[in-house]
Full PDB file with SEQRES, HELIX, SHEET, SSBOND, CRYST1, ORIGX, SCALE, CONECT and MASTER records, all heavy atoms in Angstrom:
SEQRES   1 A   29  LEU ILE ASN GLU VAL ARG LYS ALA GLN ALA ALA ALA ASP          
SEQRES   2 A   29  LYS ALA GLN ASP LYS ILE LEU ASP GLU PHE LEU ARG ASP          
SEQRES   3 A   29  HIS PRO GLU                                                  
HELIX    1 AA1 ILE A    2  LYS A   14  1                                  13    
HELIX    2 AA2 GLN A   16  ASP A   26  1                                  11    
CRYST1    1.000    1.000    1.000  90.00  90.00  90.00 P 1           1          
ORIGX1      1.000000  0.000000  0.000000        0.00000                         
ORIGX2      0.000000  1.000000  0.000000        0.00000                         
ORIGX3      0.000000  0.000000  1.000000        0.00000                         
SCALE1      1.000000  0.000000  0.000000        0.00000                         
SCALE2      0.000000  1.000000  0.000000        0.00000                         
SCALE3      0.000000  0.000000  1.000000        0.00000                         
ATOM      1  N   LEU A   1       7.112  24.175 -79.394  1.00  0.00           N  
ATOM      2  CA  LEU A   1       7.088  24.143 -77.929  1.00  0.00           C  
ATOM      3  C   LEU A   1       6.198  25.243 -77.375  1.00  0.00           C  
ATOM      4  O   LEU A   1       5.381  25.009 -76.473  1.00  0.00           O  
ATOM      5  CB  LEU A   1       8.512  24.292 -77.390  1.00  0.00           C  
ATOM      6  CG  LEU A   1       8.652  24.402 -75.870  1.00  0.00           C  
ATOM      7  CD1 LEU A   1       8.149  23.130 -75.193  1.00  0.00           C  
ATOM      8  CD2 LEU A   1      10.090  24.683 -75.472  1.00  0.00           C  
ATOM      9  N   ILE A   2       6.324  26.455 -77.902  1.00  0.00           N  
ATOM     10  CA  ILE A   2       5.511  27.576 -77.417  1.00  0.00           C  
ATOM     11  C   ILE A   2       4.033  27.313 -77.677  1.00  0.00           C  
ATOM     12  O   ILE A   2       3.175  27.597 -76.823  1.00  0.00           O  
ATOM     13  CB  ILE A   2       5.967  28.889 -78.093  1.00  0.00           C  
ATOM     14  CG1 ILE A   2       7.398  29.234 -77.643  1.00  0.00           C  
ATOM     15  CG2 ILE A   2       5.015  30.029 -77.758  1.00  0.00           C  
ATOM     16  CD1 ILE A   2       7.980  30.434 -78.357  1.00  0.00           C  
ATOM     17  N   ASN A   3       3.704  26.770 -78.858  1.00  0.00           N  
ATOM     18  CA  ASN A   3       2.302  26.457 -79.168  1.00  0.00           C  
ATOM     19  C   ASN A   3       1.749  25.398 -78.226  1.00  0.00           C  
ATOM     20  O   ASN A   3       0.601  25.473 -77.775  1.00  0.00           O  
ATOM     21  CB  ASN A   3       2.174  25.987 -80.616  1.00  0.00           C  
ATOM     22  CG  ASN A   3       2.392  27.111 -81.613  1.00  0.00           C  
ATOM     23  OD1 ASN A   3       2.186  28.285 -81.293  1.00  0.00           O  
ATOM     24  ND2 ASN A   3       2.807  26.766 -82.817  1.00  0.00           N  
ATOM     25  N   GLU A   4       2.576  24.387 -77.914  1.00  0.00           N  
ATOM     26  CA  GLU A   4       2.138  23.348 -76.987  1.00  0.00           C  
ATOM     27  C   GLU A   4       1.896  23.918 -75.598  1.00  0.00           C  
ATOM     28  O   GLU A   4       0.955  23.523 -74.897  1.00  0.00           O  
ATOM     29  CB  GLU A   4       3.185  22.229 -76.929  1.00  0.00           C  
ATOM     30  CG  GLU A   4       3.308  21.413 -78.202  1.00  0.00           C  
ATOM     31  CD  GLU A   4       2.044  20.629 -78.503  1.00  0.00           C  
ATOM     32  OE1 GLU A   4       1.354  20.222 -77.545  1.00  0.00           O  
ATOM     33  OE2 GLU A   4       1.745  20.446 -79.699  1.00  0.00           O  
ATOM     34  N   VAL A   5       2.762  24.850 -75.187  1.00  0.00           N  
ATOM     35  CA  VAL A   5       2.577  25.492 -73.875  1.00  0.00           C  
ATOM     36  C   VAL A   5       1.266  26.271 -73.849  1.00  0.00           C  
ATOM     37  O   VAL A   5       0.500  26.206 -72.867  1.00  0.00           O  
ATOM     38  CB  VAL A   5       3.766  26.418 -73.565  1.00  0.00           C  
ATOM     39  CG1 VAL A   5       3.483  27.249 -72.317  1.00  0.00           C  
ATOM     40  CG2 VAL A   5       5.040  25.610 -73.362  1.00  0.00           C  
ATOM     41  N   ARG A   6       0.970  26.986 -74.911  1.00  0.00           N  
ATOM     42  CA  ARG A   6      -0.265  27.771 -74.959  1.00  0.00           C  
ATOM     43  C   ARG A   6      -1.496  26.869 -74.940  1.00  0.00           C  
ATOM     44  O   ARG A   6      -2.492  27.178 -74.268  1.00  0.00           O  
ATOM     45  CB  ARG A   6      -0.265  28.645 -76.224  1.00  0.00           C  
ATOM     46  CG  ARG A   6       0.749  29.780 -76.173  1.00  0.00           C  
ATOM     47  CD  ARG A   6       0.819  30.516 -77.494  1.00  0.00           C  
ATOM     48  NE  ARG A   6       1.752  31.635 -77.422  1.00  0.00           N  
ATOM     49  CZ  ARG A   6       2.114  32.372 -78.476  1.00  0.00           C  
ATOM     50  NH1 ARG A   6       1.624  32.089 -79.683  1.00  0.00           N  
ATOM     51  NH2 ARG A   6       2.966  33.368 -78.326  1.00  0.00           N  
ATOM     52  N   LYS A   7      -1.437  25.766 -75.673  1.00  0.00           N  
ATOM     53  CA  LYS A   7      -2.567  24.831 -75.672  1.00  0.00           C  
ATOM     54  C   LYS A   7      -2.779  24.234 -74.280  1.00  0.00           C  
ATOM     55  O   LYS A   7      -3.916  24.144 -73.801  1.00  0.00           O  
ATOM     56  CB  LYS A   7      -2.313  23.708 -76.682  1.00  0.00           C  
ATOM     57  CG  LYS A   7      -2.374  24.145 -78.132  1.00  0.00           C  
ATOM     58  CD  LYS A   7      -2.090  22.953 -79.047  1.00  0.00           C  
ATOM     59  CE  LYS A   7      -2.097  23.377 -80.517  1.00  0.00           C  
ATOM     60  NZ  LYS A   7      -1.798  22.232 -81.424  1.00  0.00           N  
ATOM     61  N   ALA A   8      -1.679  23.822 -73.654  1.00  0.00           N  
ATOM     62  CA  ALA A   8      -1.792  23.238 -72.323  1.00  0.00           C  
ATOM     63  C   ALA A   8      -2.312  24.254 -71.313  1.00  0.00           C  
ATOM     64  O   ALA A   8      -3.116  23.924 -70.438  1.00  0.00           O  
ATOM     65  CB  ALA A   8      -0.432  22.685 -71.879  1.00  0.00           C  
ATOM     66  N   GLN A   9      -1.864  25.498 -71.424  1.00  0.00           N  
ATOM     67  CA  GLN A   9      -2.311  26.536 -70.502  1.00  0.00           C  
ATOM     68  C   GLN A   9      -3.788  26.843 -70.704  1.00  0.00           C  
ATOM     69  O   GLN A   9      -4.542  27.046 -69.744  1.00  0.00           O  
ATOM     70  CB  GLN A   9      -1.486  27.802 -70.704  1.00  0.00           C  
ATOM     71  CG  GLN A   9      -1.734  28.889 -69.656  1.00  0.00           C  
ATOM     72  CD  GLN A   9      -1.324  28.448 -68.261  1.00  0.00           C  
ATOM     73  OE1 GLN A   9      -0.175  28.123 -68.030  1.00  0.00           O  
ATOM     74  NE2 GLN A   9      -2.274  28.431 -67.326  1.00  0.00           N  
ATOM     75  N   ALA A  10      -4.235  26.876 -71.969  1.00  0.00           N  
ATOM     76  CA  ALA A  10      -5.647  27.140 -72.248  1.00  0.00           C  
ATOM     77  C   ALA A  10      -6.535  26.036 -71.696  1.00  0.00           C  
ATOM     78  O   ALA A  10      -7.610  26.290 -71.124  1.00  0.00           O  
ATOM     79  CB  ALA A  10      -5.859  27.282 -73.758  1.00  0.00           C  
ATOM     80  N   ALA A  11      -6.076  24.773 -71.864  1.00  0.00           N  
ATOM     81  CA  ALA A  11      -6.856  23.657 -71.320  1.00  0.00           C  
ATOM     82  C   ALA A  11      -6.888  23.690 -69.799  1.00  0.00           C  
ATOM     83  O   ALA A  11      -7.906  23.371 -69.173  1.00  0.00           O  
ATOM     84  CB  ALA A  11      -6.265  22.343 -71.812  1.00  0.00           C  
ATOM     85  N   ALA A  12      -5.759  24.089 -69.199  1.00  0.00           N  
ATOM     86  CA  ALA A  12      -5.703  24.163 -67.731  1.00  0.00           C  
ATOM     87  C   ALA A  12      -6.584  25.288 -67.197  1.00  0.00           C  
ATOM     88  O   ALA A  12      -7.206  25.153 -66.133  1.00  0.00           O  
ATOM     89  CB  ALA A  12      -4.260  24.346 -67.271  1.00  0.00           C  
ATOM     90  N   ASP A  13      -6.677  26.385 -67.930  1.00  0.00           N  
ATOM     91  CA  ASP A  13      -7.504  27.506 -67.487  1.00  0.00           C  
ATOM     92  C   ASP A  13      -8.984  27.121 -67.421  1.00  0.00           C  
ATOM     93  O   ASP A  13      -9.736  27.607 -66.566  1.00  0.00           O  
ATOM     94  CB  ASP A  13      -7.319  28.696 -68.429  1.00  0.00           C  
ATOM     95  CG  ASP A  13      -5.940  29.326 -68.277  1.00  0.00           C  
ATOM     96  OD1 ASP A  13      -5.286  29.073 -67.247  1.00  0.00           O  
ATOM     97  OD2 ASP A  13      -5.511  30.062 -69.197  1.00  0.00           O  
ATOM     98  N   LYS A  14      -9.389  26.241 -68.334  1.00  0.00           N  
ATOM     99  CA  LYS A  14     -10.792  25.835 -68.364  1.00  0.00           C  
ATOM    100  C   LYS A  14     -11.147  24.891 -67.212  1.00  0.00           C  
ATOM    101  O   LYS A  14     -12.322  24.739 -66.871  1.00  0.00           O  
ATOM    102  CB  LYS A  14     -11.102  25.157 -69.696  1.00  0.00           C  
ATOM    103  CG  LYS A  14     -11.004  26.097 -70.899  1.00  0.00           C  
ATOM    104  CD  LYS A  14     -11.317  25.351 -72.188  1.00  0.00           C  
ATOM    105  CE  LYS A  14     -11.190  26.277 -73.396  1.00  0.00           C  
ATOM    106  NZ  LYS A  14     -11.475  25.560 -74.682  1.00  0.00           N  
ATOM    107  N   ALA A  15     -10.155  24.237 -66.662  1.00  0.00           N  
ATOM    108  CA  ALA A  15     -10.415  23.243 -65.604  1.00  0.00           C  
ATOM    109  C   ALA A  15      -9.657  23.579 -64.334  1.00  0.00           C  
ATOM    110  O   ALA A  15      -9.148  22.700 -63.641  1.00  0.00           O  
ATOM    111  CB  ALA A  15     -10.049  21.852 -66.101  1.00  0.00           C  
ATOM    112  N   GLN A  16      -9.592  24.875 -64.004  1.00  0.00           N  
ATOM    113  CA  GLN A  16      -8.795  25.291 -62.845  1.00  0.00           C  
ATOM    114  C   GLN A  16      -9.361  24.766 -61.528  1.00  0.00           C  
ATOM    115  O   GLN A  16      -8.609  24.348 -60.642  1.00  0.00           O  
ATOM    116  CB  GLN A  16      -8.695  26.818 -62.805  1.00  0.00           C  
ATOM    117  CG  GLN A  16      -7.678  27.389 -63.775  1.00  0.00           C  
ATOM    118  CD  GLN A  16      -7.462  28.874 -63.561  1.00  0.00           C  
ATOM    119  OE1 GLN A  16      -8.251  29.556 -62.908  1.00  0.00           O  
ATOM    120  NE2 GLN A  16      -6.380  29.390 -64.126  1.00  0.00           N  
ATOM    121  N   ASP A  17     -10.683  24.774 -61.385  1.00  0.00           N  
ATOM    122  CA  ASP A  17     -11.266  24.306 -60.130  1.00  0.00           C  
ATOM    123  C   ASP A  17     -10.987  22.821 -59.906  1.00  0.00           C  
ATOM    124  O   ASP A  17     -10.627  22.390 -58.803  1.00  0.00           O  
ATOM    125  CB  ASP A  17     -12.775  24.556 -60.140  1.00  0.00           C  
ATOM    126  CG  ASP A  17     -13.113  26.035 -60.009  1.00  0.00           C  
ATOM    127  OD1 ASP A  17     -12.296  26.763 -59.397  1.00  0.00           O  
ATOM    128  OD2 ASP A  17     -14.155  26.464 -60.511  1.00  0.00           O  
ATOM    129  N   LYS A  18     -11.139  22.031 -60.970  1.00  0.00           N  
ATOM    130  CA  LYS A  18     -10.880  20.600 -60.860  1.00  0.00           C  
ATOM    131  C   LYS A  18      -9.399  20.351 -60.569  1.00  0.00           C  
ATOM    132  O   LYS A  18      -9.051  19.497 -59.733  1.00  0.00           O  
ATOM    133  CB  LYS A  18     -11.293  19.903 -62.160  1.00  0.00           C  
ATOM    134  CG  LYS A  18     -11.090  18.398 -62.127  1.00  0.00           C  
ATOM    135  CD  LYS A  18     -11.528  17.767 -63.444  1.00  0.00           C  
ATOM    136  CE  LYS A  18     -11.290  16.259 -63.416  1.00  0.00           C  
ATOM    137  NZ  LYS A  18     -11.687  15.614 -64.700  1.00  0.00           N  
ATOM    138  N   ILE A  19      -8.537  21.104 -61.246  1.00  0.00           N  
ATOM    139  CA  ILE A  19      -7.095  20.955 -61.029  1.00  0.00           C  
ATOM    140  C   ILE A  19      -6.732  21.310 -59.597  1.00  0.00           C  
ATOM    141  O   ILE A  19      -5.927  20.628 -58.946  1.00  0.00           O  
ATOM    142  CB  ILE A  19      -6.313  21.829 -62.024  1.00  0.00           C  
ATOM    143  CG1 ILE A  19      -6.486  21.279 -63.443  1.00  0.00           C  
ATOM    144  CG2 ILE A  19      -4.839  21.901 -61.652  1.00  0.00           C  
ATOM    145  CD1 ILE A  19      -5.888  22.170 -64.511  1.00  0.00           C  
ATOM    146  N   LEU A  20      -7.325  22.384 -59.069  1.00  0.00           N  
ATOM    147  CA  LEU A  20      -7.030  22.793 -57.696  1.00  0.00           C  
ATOM    148  C   LEU A  20      -7.476  21.728 -56.700  1.00  0.00           C  
ATOM    149  O   LEU A  20      -6.744  21.409 -55.745  1.00  0.00           O  
ATOM    150  CB  LEU A  20      -7.720  24.129 -57.395  1.00  0.00           C  
ATOM    151  CG  LEU A  20      -7.550  24.655 -55.967  1.00  0.00           C  
ATOM    152  CD1 LEU A  20      -6.079  24.857 -55.637  1.00  0.00           C  
ATOM    153  CD2 LEU A  20      -8.338  25.958 -55.780  1.00  0.00           C  
ATOM    154  N   ASP A  21      -8.666  21.165 -56.907  1.00  0.00           N  
ATOM    155  CA  ASP A  21      -9.139  20.122 -55.992  1.00  0.00           C  
ATOM    156  C   ASP A  21      -8.200  18.914 -56.002  1.00  0.00           C  
ATOM    157  O   ASP A  21      -7.871  18.370 -54.937  1.00  0.00           O  
ATOM    158  CB  ASP A  21     -10.561  19.692 -56.388  1.00  0.00           C  
ATOM    159  CG  ASP A  21     -11.578  20.808 -56.145  1.00  0.00           C  
ATOM    160  OD1 ASP A  21     -11.275  21.697 -55.319  1.00  0.00           O  
ATOM    161  OD2 ASP A  21     -12.642  20.789 -56.789  1.00  0.00           O  
ATOM    162  N   GLU A  22      -7.761  18.510 -57.205  1.00  0.00           N  
ATOM    163  CA  GLU A  22      -6.849  17.374 -57.294  1.00  0.00           C  
ATOM    164  C   GLU A  22      -5.501  17.711 -56.669  1.00  0.00           C  
ATOM    165  O   GLU A  22      -4.876  16.867 -56.011  1.00  0.00           O  
ATOM    166  CB  GLU A  22      -6.676  16.961 -58.756  1.00  0.00           C  
ATOM    167  CG  GLU A  22      -7.945  16.394 -59.383  1.00  0.00           C  
ATOM    168  CD  GLU A  22      -7.751  16.058 -60.841  1.00  0.00           C  
ATOM    169  OE1 GLU A  22      -6.653  16.385 -61.375  1.00  0.00           O  
ATOM    170  OE2 GLU A  22      -8.665  15.487 -61.463  1.00  0.00           O  
ATOM    171  N   PHE A  23      -5.074  18.944 -56.861  1.00  0.00           N  
ATOM    172  CA  PHE A  23      -3.783  19.369 -56.300  1.00  0.00           C  
ATOM    173  C   PHE A  23      -3.832  19.340 -54.777  1.00  0.00           C  
ATOM    174  O   PHE A  23      -2.893  18.878 -54.113  1.00  0.00           O  
ATOM    175  CB  PHE A  23      -3.437  20.770 -56.799  1.00  0.00           C  
ATOM    176  CG  PHE A  23      -2.135  21.302 -56.269  1.00  0.00           C  
ATOM    177  CD1 PHE A  23      -0.928  20.975 -56.856  1.00  0.00           C  
ATOM    178  CD2 PHE A  23      -2.126  22.139 -55.155  1.00  0.00           C  
ATOM    179  CE1 PHE A  23       0.271  21.470 -56.359  1.00  0.00           C  
ATOM    180  CE2 PHE A  23      -0.936  22.635 -54.646  1.00  0.00           C  
ATOM    181  CZ  PHE A  23       0.269  22.288 -55.261  1.00  0.00           C  
ATOM    182  N   LEU A  24      -4.905  19.835 -54.203  1.00  0.00           N  
ATOM    183  CA  LEU A  24      -5.018  19.856 -52.739  1.00  0.00           C  
ATOM    184  C   LEU A  24      -5.142  18.450 -52.170  1.00  0.00           C  
ATOM    185  O   LEU A  24      -4.689  18.181 -51.052  1.00  0.00           O  
ATOM    186  CB  LEU A  24      -6.228  20.707 -52.327  1.00  0.00           C  
ATOM    187  CG  LEU A  24      -6.110  22.211 -52.639  1.00  0.00           C  
ATOM    188  CD1 LEU A  24      -7.390  22.936 -52.249  1.00  0.00           C  
ATOM    189  CD2 LEU A  24      -4.915  22.826 -51.925  1.00  0.00           C  
ATOM    190  N   ARG A  25      -5.779  17.541 -52.921  1.00  0.00           N  
ATOM    191  CA  ARG A  25      -5.841  16.158 -52.455  1.00  0.00           C  
ATOM    192  C   ARG A  25      -4.462  15.505 -52.452  1.00  0.00           C  
ATOM    193  O   ARG A  25      -4.138  14.694 -51.589  1.00  0.00           O  
ATOM    194  CB  ARG A  25      -6.803  15.352 -53.351  1.00  0.00           C  
ATOM    195  CG  ARG A  25      -8.265  15.555 -53.012  1.00  0.00           C  
ATOM    196  CD  ARG A  25      -9.115  14.431 -53.601  1.00  0.00           C  
ATOM    197  NE  ARG A  25      -9.041  14.403 -55.043  1.00  0.00           N  
ATOM    198  CZ  ARG A  25      -9.865  15.062 -55.862  1.00  0.00           C  
ATOM    199  NH1 ARG A  25     -10.841  15.796 -55.330  1.00  0.00           N  
ATOM    200  NH2 ARG A  25      -9.742  14.972 -57.161  1.00  0.00           N  
ATOM    201  N   ASP A  26      -3.627  15.892 -53.451  1.00  0.00           N  
ATOM    202  CA  ASP A  26      -2.269  15.346 -53.528  1.00  0.00           C  
ATOM    203  C   ASP A  26      -1.329  16.000 -52.524  1.00  0.00           C  
ATOM    204  O   ASP A  26      -0.255  15.465 -52.236  1.00  0.00           O  
ATOM    205  CB  ASP A  26      -1.700  15.516 -54.938  1.00  0.00           C  
ATOM    206  CG  ASP A  26      -2.469  14.687 -55.960  1.00  0.00           C  
ATOM    207  OD1 ASP A  26      -3.096  13.690 -55.562  1.00  0.00           O  
ATOM    208  OD2 ASP A  26      -2.440  15.062 -57.159  1.00  0.00           O  
ATOM    209  N   HIS A  27      -1.702  17.183 -52.010  1.00  0.00           N  
ATOM    210  CA  HIS A  27      -0.854  17.908 -51.053  1.00  0.00           C  
ATOM    211  C   HIS A  27      -1.681  18.291 -49.823  1.00  0.00           C  
ATOM    212  O   HIS A  27      -1.971  19.477 -49.585  1.00  0.00           O  
ATOM    213  CB  HIS A  27      -0.255  19.163 -51.698  1.00  0.00           C  
ATOM    214  CG  HIS A  27       0.583  18.893 -52.916  1.00  0.00           C  
ATOM    215  ND1 HIS A  27       0.022  18.672 -54.157  1.00  0.00           N  
ATOM    216  CD2 HIS A  27       1.929  18.780 -53.062  1.00  0.00           C  
ATOM    217  CE1 HIS A  27       0.995  18.455 -55.030  1.00  0.00           C  
ATOM    218  NE2 HIS A  27       2.153  18.514 -54.396  1.00  0.00           N  
ATOM    219  N   PRO A  28      -2.083  17.321 -49.036  1.00  0.00           N  
ATOM    220  CA  PRO A  28      -2.926  17.638 -47.867  1.00  0.00           C  
ATOM    221  C   PRO A  28      -2.205  18.455 -46.803  1.00  0.00           C  
ATOM    222  O   PRO A  28      -2.853  19.086 -45.978  1.00  0.00           O  
ATOM    223  CB  PRO A  28      -3.303  16.247 -47.332  1.00  0.00           C  
ATOM    224  CG  PRO A  28      -2.201  15.345 -47.811  1.00  0.00           C  
ATOM    225  CD  PRO A  28      -1.803  15.881 -49.151  1.00  0.00           C  
ATOM    226  N   GLU A  29      -0.862  18.471 -46.862  1.00  0.00           N  
ATOM    227  CA  GLU A  29      -0.126  19.189 -45.823  1.00  0.00           C  
ATOM    228  C   GLU A  29      -0.290  20.699 -45.925  1.00  0.00           C  
ATOM    229  O   GLU A  29      -0.024  21.439 -44.956  1.00  0.00           O  
ATOM    230  CB  GLU A  29       1.363  18.832 -45.892  1.00  0.00           C  
ATOM    231  CG  GLU A  29       2.121  19.382 -47.093  1.00  0.00           C  
ATOM    232  CD  GLU A  29       1.912  18.549 -48.354  1.00  0.00           C  
ATOM    233  OE1 GLU A  29       1.171  17.546 -48.283  1.00  0.00           O  
ATOM    234  OE2 GLU A  29       2.492  18.912 -49.401  1.00  0.00           O  
TER     235      GLU A  29                                                      
MASTER        0    0    0    2    0    0    0    6  234    1    0    3          
END                                                                             
C-alpha cells in the first residue's frame, strides 16, 4: 500500500498542472 501511494504521488507530481486544470474544471464554484 505504501509503495502504491508513493508511485501514485510521484506520477501526480509530474502532472500537477494538468491535474489542477482538470480539478478546476470539475469544481467551477
